[in-house]
């Protein structure tokens, strides 16, 4: 299956406008068998299916990441 290279994840930010984070496909797969995407820092990680379903993946101990409000394909 051909997965996009980049997605934009949009999260709710209370103090400012919603926050958008670009994530890029890695060579890893998640528990569902879909590619893991991460931002440049490696902190924001998500498993994203071909249908755009997102499962956030903790990148460190005690992390409980919120699900994004929206997911947008940026590049194929």
Protein backbone atom coordinates (compact mmCIF):
# COMPACT_ATOMS: atom_id res chain seq x y z
CA UNK A 1 0.00 0.00 0.00
CA UNK A 2 1.21 3.52 -0.81
CA UNK A 3 1.06 5.77 2.27
CA UNK A 4 1.55 9.54 2.22
CA UNK A 5 4.94 10.91 3.27
CA UNK A 6 3.56 13.72 5.45
CA UNK A 7 0.44 14.51 7.47
CA UNK A 8 -0.57 17.59 9.41
CA UNK A 9 -2.09 16.83 12.82
CA UNK A 10 -4.22 19.61 14.29
CA UNK A 11 -4.56 19.72 18.08
CA UNK A 12 -6.69 21.95 20.30
CA UNK A 13 -4.65 24.59 22.12
CA UNK A 14 -6.50 26.43 24.89
CA UNK A 15 -4.49 29.67 25.00
CA UNK A 16 -4.04 30.22 21.24
CA UNK A 17 -5.40 29.10 17.91
CA UNK A 18 -5.31 25.37 17.28
CA UNK A 19 -1.79 23.98 16.94
CA UNK A 20 -0.70 22.11 13.78
CA UNK A 21 2.20 19.65 13.75
CA UNK A 22 3.75 18.07 10.64
CA UNK A 23 4.59 14.39 10.97
CA UNK A 24 6.60 12.34 8.48
CA UNK A 25 6.43 8.62 7.75
CA UNK A 26 9.09 6.48 9.41
CA UNK A 27 10.19 2.95 8.50
CA UNK A 28 8.35 1.56 11.55
CA UNK A 29 4.84 0.12 11.84
CA UNK A 30 2.50 0.28 14.80
CA UNK A 31 0.42 -2.39 16.52
CA UNK A 32 -2.26 -2.12 13.81
CA UNK A 33 0.30 -2.69 11.06
CA UNK A 34 0.11 0.90 9.77
CA UNK A 35 3.07 3.27 9.41
CA UNK A 36 4.30 5.30 12.37
CA UNK A 37 4.67 9.01 11.66
CA UNK A 38 6.62 11.44 13.85
CA UNK A 39 7.53 15.11 13.99
CA UNK A 40 11.10 16.39 13.66
CA UNK A 41 11.65 16.25 17.43
CA UNK A 42 10.48 12.62 17.71
CA UNK A 43 8.09 13.61 20.50
CA UNK A 44 4.82 13.56 18.53
CA UNK A 45 4.21 10.07 17.13
CA UNK A 46 1.12 8.58 15.53
CA UNK A 47 0.10 5.43 13.73
CA UNK A 48 -2.03 6.50 10.76
CA UNK A 49 -4.12 4.09 8.66
CA UNK A 50 -4.79 4.35 4.93
CA UNK A 51 -8.22 5.78 5.84
CA UNK A 52 -6.69 8.54 7.97
CA UNK A 53 -7.53 6.97 11.33
CA UNK A 54 -5.02 8.06 13.96
CA UNK A 55 -3.71 6.31 17.07
CA UNK A 56 -1.30 8.46 19.03
CA UNK A 57 1.83 6.63 20.24
CA UNK A 58 3.63 7.65 23.43
CA UNK A 59 7.26 8.56 22.82
CA UNK A 60 8.30 8.52 26.47
CA UNK A 61 7.29 7.36 29.91
CA UNK A 62 4.16 8.80 31.50
CA UNK A 63 3.11 10.44 28.21
CA UNK A 64 -0.61 10.34 27.40
CA UNK A 65 -1.00 12.21 24.09
CA UNK A 66 -4.40 13.59 23.07
CA UNK A 67 -5.94 12.63 19.75
CA UNK A 68 -5.83 15.34 17.09
CA UNK A 69 -8.93 17.29 16.05
CA UNK A 70 -8.07 16.84 12.37
CA UNK A 71 -5.64 14.95 10.16
CA UNK A 72 -4.67 16.33 6.74
CA UNK A 73 -2.59 14.63 4.09
CA UNK A 74 0.14 17.06 3.01
CA UNK A 75 2.20 14.99 0.50
CA UNK A 76 1.83 11.68 -1.25
